[in-house]
Amino acid sequence: MRRKVIIAARLVVQIIILYVLNVVGDLIVKVLHIPIPGNLVGLFLLFLLLMTRIISLQWLEEGAALLLKHLSLFFIPIAVGLMSYGNLLMHEGWLLFVSILASLWIGIYTTGRISQYFAREKESNQE
């Protein structure tokens, strides 16, 4: 029983640290009037803290894994909101579908070309 309490407390602390970084990112954006999302700044802060080893990955790993495991639950309100636009999606949904497919293809194509470029560069540097 005590072990479960310790694990739960550790998860809560890890999630609180991630949340604080998010809030700090929002605060930085508001104070400095930066035209990017605050959660992106918070993510960059987390990256810097991990790269400089101020925060160890093990300190946040379990909490981040728990949030990622349940990430799909955060999209439920969006799906429910789409239900109120059913008529619009019936008539104009094909445009959304085509744009999603086009952006998916562009992303996959670009990623493939970039990875091929780096693979060729690596091969030519090894020779």
N, C-alpha and C. Protein backbone atom coordinates (compact mmCIF):
# COMPACT_ATOMS: atom_id res chain seq x y z
N MET A 1 0.83 -1.20 0.00
CA MET A 1 0.00 0.00 0.00
C MET A 1 0.87 1.26 0.00
N ARG A 2 1.92 1.23 0.83
CA ARG A 2 2.79 2.41 0.92
C ARG A 2 3.52 2.66 -0.40
N ARG A 3 3.90 1.57 -1.08
CA ARG A 3 4.58 1.69 -2.37
C ARG A 3 3.68 2.36 -3.40
N LYS A 4 2.40 2.02 -3.42
CA LYS A 4 1.45 2.63 -4.35
C LYS A 4 1.30 4.12 -4.09
N VAL A 5 1.31 4.50 -2.83
CA VAL A 5 1.20 5.91 -2.47
C VAL A 5 2.44 6.67 -2.94
N ILE A 6 3.60 6.07 -2.78
CA ILE A 6 4.85 6.72 -3.22
C ILE A 6 4.86 6.88 -4.74
N ILE A 7 4.42 5.84 -5.45
CA ILE A 7 4.38 5.91 -6.92
C ILE A 7 3.40 6.99 -7.36
N ALA A 8 2.22 7.04 -6.73
CA ALA A 8 1.22 8.05 -7.08
C ALA A 8 1.74 9.45 -6.79
N ALA A 9 2.40 9.61 -5.66
CA ALA A 9 2.94 10.93 -5.31
C ALA A 9 4.03 11.35 -6.30
N ARG A 10 4.86 10.40 -6.71
CA ARG A 10 5.90 10.71 -7.69
C ARG A 10 5.29 11.14 -9.02
N LEU A 11 4.23 10.45 -9.46
CA LEU A 11 3.55 10.82 -10.70
C LEU A 11 2.94 12.21 -10.60
N VAL A 12 2.33 12.51 -9.47
CA VAL A 12 1.72 13.83 -9.27
C VAL A 12 2.78 14.92 -9.33
N VAL A 13 3.91 14.70 -8.68
CA VAL A 13 4.99 15.69 -8.69
C VAL A 13 5.52 15.89 -10.11
N GLN A 14 5.70 14.80 -10.86
CA GLN A 14 6.20 14.91 -12.23
C GLN A 14 5.23 15.69 -13.12
N ILE A 15 3.94 15.41 -12.98
CA ILE A 15 2.94 16.13 -13.79
C ILE A 15 2.88 17.59 -13.37
N ILE A 16 3.03 17.87 -12.08
CA ILE A 16 3.05 19.27 -11.62
C ILE A 16 4.25 20.01 -12.22
N ILE A 17 5.40 19.37 -12.29
CA ILE A 17 6.58 20.01 -12.89
C ILE A 17 6.31 20.34 -14.35
N LEU A 18 5.73 19.40 -15.09
CA LEU A 18 5.39 19.65 -16.49
C LEU A 18 4.38 20.78 -16.62
N TYR A 19 3.41 20.81 -15.72
CA TYR A 19 2.40 21.87 -15.75
C TYR A 19 3.03 23.24 -15.44
N VAL A 20 3.93 23.27 -14.47
CA VAL A 20 4.60 24.53 -14.12
C VAL A 20 5.41 25.05 -15.31
N LEU A 21 6.09 24.16 -16.02
CA LEU A 21 6.82 24.59 -17.21
C LEU A 21 5.87 25.17 -18.26
N ASN A 22 4.69 24.58 -18.38
CA ASN A 22 3.68 25.10 -19.31
C ASN A 22 3.22 26.49 -18.89
N VAL A 23 2.97 26.67 -17.62
CA VAL A 23 2.52 27.97 -17.11
C VAL A 23 3.62 29.02 -17.27
N VAL A 24 4.86 28.63 -17.00
CA VAL A 24 5.98 29.56 -17.17
C VAL A 24 6.11 29.97 -18.64
N GLY A 25 5.91 29.01 -19.55
CA GLY A 25 5.93 29.33 -20.97
C GLY A 25 4.84 30.33 -21.35
N ASP A 26 3.63 30.13 -20.81
CA ASP A 26 2.54 31.08 -21.05
C ASP A 26 2.88 32.46 -20.50
N LEU A 27 3.46 32.48 -19.32
CA LEU A 27 3.82 33.75 -18.69
C LEU A 27 4.88 34.48 -19.52
N ILE A 28 5.87 33.76 -20.01
CA ILE A 28 6.92 34.38 -20.83
C ILE A 28 6.31 35.00 -22.09
N VAL A 29 5.38 34.28 -22.71
CA VAL A 29 4.74 34.79 -23.93
C VAL A 29 3.94 36.06 -23.63
N LYS A 30 3.23 36.07 -22.50
CA LYS A 30 2.43 37.24 -22.15
C LYS A 30 3.30 38.45 -21.81
N VAL A 31 4.37 38.22 -21.08
CA VAL A 31 5.23 39.32 -20.66
C VAL A 31 6.03 39.88 -21.83
N LEU A 32 6.57 38.99 -22.66
CA LEU A 32 7.43 39.44 -23.76
C LEU A 32 6.66 39.68 -25.07
N HIS A 33 5.36 39.39 -25.07
CA HIS A 33 4.52 39.56 -26.26
C HIS A 33 5.08 38.83 -27.46
N ILE A 34 5.46 37.58 -27.24
CA ILE A 34 6.00 36.73 -28.31
C ILE A 34 4.83 36.12 -29.08
N PRO A 35 4.86 36.15 -30.40
CA PRO A 35 3.71 35.65 -31.18
C PRO A 35 3.73 34.13 -31.43
N ILE A 36 4.09 33.35 -30.40
CA ILE A 36 4.02 31.90 -30.51
C ILE A 36 3.30 31.37 -29.27
N PRO A 37 2.75 30.16 -29.35
CA PRO A 37 2.01 29.62 -28.20
C PRO A 37 2.89 29.43 -26.98
N GLY A 38 2.32 29.69 -25.82
CA GLY A 38 3.05 29.55 -24.57
C GLY A 38 3.45 28.12 -24.28
N ASN A 39 2.61 27.17 -24.67
CA ASN A 39 2.98 25.77 -24.42
C ASN A 39 4.20 25.36 -25.23
N LEU A 40 4.39 25.99 -26.39
CA LEU A 40 5.59 25.72 -27.18
C LEU A 40 6.84 26.27 -26.49
N VAL A 41 6.71 27.44 -25.89
CA VAL A 41 7.82 28.00 -25.12
C VAL A 41 8.11 27.11 -23.90
N GLY A 42 7.06 26.63 -23.25
CA GLY A 42 7.25 25.71 -22.13
C GLY A 42 7.95 24.43 -22.55
N LEU A 43 7.59 23.91 -23.73
CA LEU A 43 8.24 22.72 -24.25
C LEU A 43 9.71 23.00 -24.55
N PHE A 44 10.00 24.19 -25.08
CA PHE A 44 11.39 24.57 -25.34
C PHE A 44 12.17 24.69 -24.02
N LEU A 45 11.52 25.24 -22.99
CA LEU A 45 12.17 25.30 -21.67
C LEU A 45 12.50 23.91 -21.15
N LEU A 46 11.55 22.99 -21.31
CA LEU A 46 11.78 21.61 -20.89
C LEU A 46 12.96 21.02 -21.66
N PHE A 47 13.01 21.27 -22.96
CA PHE A 47 14.12 20.80 -23.78
C PHE A 47 15.45 21.34 -23.27
N LEU A 48 15.49 22.65 -23.00
CA LEU A 48 16.72 23.26 -22.49
C LEU A 48 17.14 22.67 -21.14
N LEU A 49 16.16 22.47 -20.27
CA LEU A 49 16.47 21.91 -18.95
C LEU A 49 16.98 20.48 -19.06
N LEU A 50 16.43 19.72 -19.99
CA LEU A 50 16.91 18.35 -20.19
C LEU A 50 18.29 18.33 -20.84
N MET A 51 18.52 19.20 -21.81
CA MET A 51 19.81 19.23 -22.50
C MET A 51 20.93 19.71 -21.59
N THR A 52 20.63 20.66 -20.71
CA THR A 52 21.65 21.15 -19.78
C THR A 52 21.76 20.27 -18.54
N ARG A 53 20.94 19.25 -18.48
CA ARG A 53 20.91 18.29 -17.37
C ARG A 53 20.59 18.92 -16.02
N ILE A 54 19.88 20.04 -16.07
CA ILE A 54 19.36 20.62 -14.83
C ILE A 54 18.26 19.73 -14.30
N ILE A 55 17.45 19.20 -15.23
CA ILE A 55 16.42 18.21 -14.90
C ILE A 55 16.80 16.92 -15.59
N SER A 56 16.75 15.83 -14.86
CA SER A 56 17.05 14.53 -15.43
C SER A 56 15.79 13.96 -16.07
N LEU A 57 15.96 13.22 -17.14
CA LEU A 57 14.82 12.61 -17.82
C LEU A 57 14.06 11.68 -16.88
N GLN A 58 14.76 11.00 -16.01
CA GLN A 58 14.11 10.07 -15.08
C GLN A 58 13.17 10.79 -14.11
N TRP A 59 13.39 12.07 -13.89
CA TRP A 59 12.53 12.82 -12.98
C TRP A 59 11.15 13.05 -13.56
N LEU A 60 11.02 13.00 -14.88
CA LEU A 60 9.74 13.31 -15.52
C LEU A 60 9.19 12.19 -16.38
N GLU A 61 9.95 11.15 -16.56
CA GLU A 61 9.62 10.11 -17.54
C GLU A 61 8.28 9.43 -17.28
N GLU A 62 8.01 9.05 -16.04
CA GLU A 62 6.78 8.32 -15.74
C GLU A 62 5.55 9.21 -15.90
N GLY A 63 5.65 10.46 -15.45
CA GLY A 63 4.52 11.38 -15.59
C GLY A 63 4.23 11.71 -17.04
N ALA A 64 5.28 11.92 -17.82
CA ALA A 64 5.09 12.21 -19.25
C ALA A 64 4.51 10.99 -19.96
N ALA A 65 4.97 9.80 -19.61
CA ALA A 65 4.43 8.58 -20.22
C ALA A 65 2.95 8.42 -19.90
N LEU A 66 2.57 8.73 -18.68
CA LEU A 66 1.16 8.64 -18.30
C LEU A 66 0.31 9.62 -19.11
N LEU A 67 0.79 10.85 -19.27
CA LEU A 67 0.05 11.84 -20.06
C LEU A 67 -0.05 11.41 -21.52
N LEU A 68 1.04 10.90 -22.08
CA LEU A 68 1.01 10.45 -23.47
C LEU A 68 0.09 9.25 -23.66
N LYS A 69 0.05 8.38 -22.66
CA LYS A 69 -0.81 7.20 -22.74
C LYS A 69 -2.28 7.59 -22.85
N HIS A 70 -2.65 8.68 -22.19
CA HIS A 70 -4.05 9.11 -22.17
C HIS A 70 -4.28 10.36 -23.03
N LEU A 71 -3.38 10.61 -23.96
CA LEU A 71 -3.47 11.80 -24.81
C LEU A 71 -4.76 11.84 -25.62
N SER A 72 -5.20 10.70 -26.08
CA SER A 72 -6.41 10.67 -26.91
C SER A 72 -7.63 11.19 -26.17
N LEU A 73 -7.65 11.08 -24.85
CA LEU A 73 -8.79 11.59 -24.07
C LEU A 73 -8.91 13.11 -24.17
N PHE A 74 -7.79 13.80 -24.43
CA PHE A 74 -7.84 15.25 -24.54
C PHE A 74 -8.52 15.70 -25.82
N PHE A 75 -8.68 14.79 -26.79
CA PHE A 75 -9.31 15.15 -28.06
C PHE A 75 -10.80 14.85 -28.09
N ILE A 76 -11.34 14.25 -27.05
CA ILE A 76 -12.77 13.95 -27.01
C ILE A 76 -13.62 15.21 -27.13
N PRO A 77 -13.32 16.30 -26.41
CA PRO A 77 -14.15 17.51 -26.58
C PRO A 77 -14.16 18.03 -28.01
N ILE A 78 -13.06 17.89 -28.73
CA ILE A 78 -13.02 18.33 -30.12
C ILE A 78 -13.95 17.48 -30.96
N ALA A 79 -13.92 16.16 -30.75
CA ALA A 79 -14.78 15.27 -31.52
C ALA A 79 -16.26 15.53 -31.22
N VAL A 80 -16.57 15.80 -29.97
CA VAL A 80 -17.95 16.11 -29.61
C VAL A 80 -18.38 17.43 -30.25
N GLY A 81 -17.48 18.40 -30.28
CA GLY A 81 -17.79 19.68 -30.92
C GLY A 81 -18.03 19.54 -32.41
N LEU A 82 -17.35 18.62 -33.06
CA LEU A 82 -17.55 18.39 -34.49
C LEU A 82 -18.94 17.86 -34.80
N MET A 83 -19.55 17.19 -33.84
CA MET A 83 -20.89 16.63 -34.06
C MET A 83 -21.92 17.73 -34.34
N SER A 84 -21.71 18.90 -33.79
CA SER A 84 -22.66 19.99 -34.04
C SER A 84 -22.51 20.55 -35.44
N TYR A 85 -21.44 20.18 -36.16
CA TYR A 85 -21.23 20.62 -37.53
C TYR A 85 -21.44 19.48 -38.53
N GLY A 86 -22.27 18.51 -38.16
CA GLY A 86 -22.51 17.36 -39.02
C GLY A 86 -23.01 17.72 -40.40
N ASN A 87 -23.95 18.66 -40.48
CA ASN A 87 -24.51 19.06 -41.78
C ASN A 87 -23.43 19.69 -42.67
N LEU A 88 -22.61 20.53 -42.08
CA LEU A 88 -21.53 21.16 -42.83
C LEU A 88 -20.53 20.11 -43.33
N LEU A 89 -20.20 19.16 -42.46
CA LEU A 89 -19.26 18.11 -42.85
C LEU A 89 -19.83 17.20 -43.94
N MET A 90 -21.13 17.01 -43.93
CA MET A 90 -21.75 16.18 -44.97
C MET A 90 -21.59 16.82 -46.35
N HIS A 91 -21.71 18.15 -46.41
CA HIS A 91 -21.66 18.84 -47.69
C HIS A 91 -20.24 19.29 -48.08
N GLU A 92 -19.45 19.73 -47.14
CA GLU A 92 -18.13 20.27 -47.43
C GLU A 92 -16.99 19.42 -46.86
N GLY A 93 -17.30 18.28 -46.30
CA GLY A 93 -16.29 17.43 -45.67
C GLY A 93 -15.26 16.90 -46.63
N TRP A 94 -15.63 16.74 -47.89
CA TRP A 94 -14.67 16.24 -48.87
C TRP A 94 -13.48 17.19 -49.03
N LEU A 95 -13.73 18.51 -48.88
CA LEU A 95 -12.63 19.47 -48.95
C LEU A 95 -11.65 19.26 -47.79
N LEU A 96 -12.21 19.04 -46.62
CA LEU A 96 -11.37 18.76 -45.46
C LEU A 96 -10.58 17.48 -45.66
N PHE A 97 -11.24 16.45 -46.19
CA PHE A 97 -10.59 15.18 -46.43
C PHE A 97 -9.44 15.32 -47.43
N VAL A 98 -9.69 16.05 -48.51
CA VAL A 98 -8.65 16.25 -49.53
C VAL A 98 -7.48 17.04 -48.96
N SER A 99 -7.77 18.07 -48.17
CA SER A 99 -6.67 18.86 -47.60
C SER A 99 -5.87 18.04 -46.59
N ILE A 100 -6.52 17.18 -45.83
CA ILE A 100 -5.81 16.32 -44.89
C ILE A 100 -4.92 15.34 -45.65
N LEU A 101 -5.46 14.74 -46.70
CA LEU A 101 -4.65 13.81 -47.50
C LEU A 101 -3.46 14.51 -48.15
N ALA A 102 -3.70 15.72 -48.68
CA ALA A 102 -2.61 16.46 -49.32
C ALA A 102 -1.52 16.80 -48.31
N SER A 103 -1.91 17.30 -47.15
CA SER A 103 -0.90 17.65 -46.15
C SER A 103 -0.18 16.41 -45.62
N LEU A 104 -0.90 15.30 -45.51
CA LEU A 104 -0.27 14.05 -45.11
C LEU A 104 0.77 13.62 -46.14
N TRP A 105 0.40 13.67 -47.41
CA TRP A 105 1.33 13.29 -48.46
C TRP A 105 2.55 14.20 -48.49
N ILE A 106 2.33 15.50 -48.35
CA ILE A 106 3.45 16.45 -48.35
C ILE A 106 4.39 16.16 -47.17
N GLY A 107 3.82 15.90 -46.01
CA GLY A 107 4.65 15.60 -44.84
C GLY A 107 5.45 14.33 -45.00
N ILE A 108 4.81 13.27 -45.50
CA ILE A 108 5.51 12.01 -45.69
C ILE A 108 6.58 12.15 -46.77
N TYR A 109 6.24 12.80 -47.87
CA TYR A 109 7.18 12.98 -48.97
C TYR A 109 8.40 13.79 -48.50
N THR A 110 8.15 14.90 -47.81
CA THR A 110 9.25 15.75 -47.35
C THR A 110 10.14 15.01 -46.36
N THR A 111 9.53 14.30 -45.43
CA THR A 111 10.31 13.54 -44.46
C THR A 111 11.16 12.47 -45.14
N GLY A 112 10.57 11.79 -46.12
CA GLY A 112 11.31 10.77 -46.86
C GLY A 112 12.49 11.35 -47.62
N ARG A 113 12.27 12.47 -48.29
CA ARG A 113 13.36 13.10 -49.06
C ARG A 113 14.48 13.58 -48.13
N ILE A 114 14.12 14.16 -47.01
CA ILE A 114 15.13 14.64 -46.06
C ILE A 114 15.92 13.47 -45.48
N SER A 115 15.22 12.39 -45.11
CA SER A 115 15.93 11.24 -44.55
C SER A 115 16.83 10.58 -45.60
N GLN A 116 16.40 10.55 -46.86
CA GLN A 116 17.25 10.02 -47.92
C GLN A 116 18.49 10.90 -48.11
N TYR A 117 18.30 12.20 -48.04
CA TYR A 117 19.43 13.12 -48.17
C TYR A 117 20.46 12.87 -47.07
N PHE A 118 19.99 12.77 -45.83
CA PHE A 118 20.91 12.54 -44.72
C PHE A 118 21.57 11.16 -44.82
N ALA A 119 20.84 10.16 -45.31
CA ALA A 119 21.43 8.83 -45.47
C ALA A 119 22.54 8.87 -46.51
N ARG A 120 22.31 9.59 -47.62
CA ARG A 120 23.35 9.72 -48.65
C ARG A 120 24.56 10.49 -48.11
N GLU A 121 24.31 11.54 -47.34
CA GLU A 121 25.40 12.31 -46.75
C GLU A 121 26.22 11.44 -45.80
N LYS A 122 25.56 10.63 -45.03
CA LYS A 122 26.27 9.76 -44.10
C LYS A 122 27.12 8.74 -44.83
N GLU A 123 26.57 8.18 -45.92
CA GLU A 123 27.32 7.21 -46.72
C GLU A 123 28.54 7.86 -47.38
N SER A 124 28.37 9.07 -47.91
CA SER A 124 29.49 9.73 -48.57
C SER A 124 30.57 10.16 -47.57
N ASN A 125 30.19 10.46 -46.32
CA ASN A 125 31.17 10.82 -45.31
C ASN A 125 31.94 9.60 -44.80
N GLN A 126 31.32 8.42 -44.88
CA GLN A 126 31.98 7.22 -44.41
C GLN A 126 32.99 6.69 -45.43
N GLU A 127 32.83 7.06 -46.68
CA GLU A 127 33.74 6.56 -47.73
C GLU A 127 35.01 7.33 -47.80
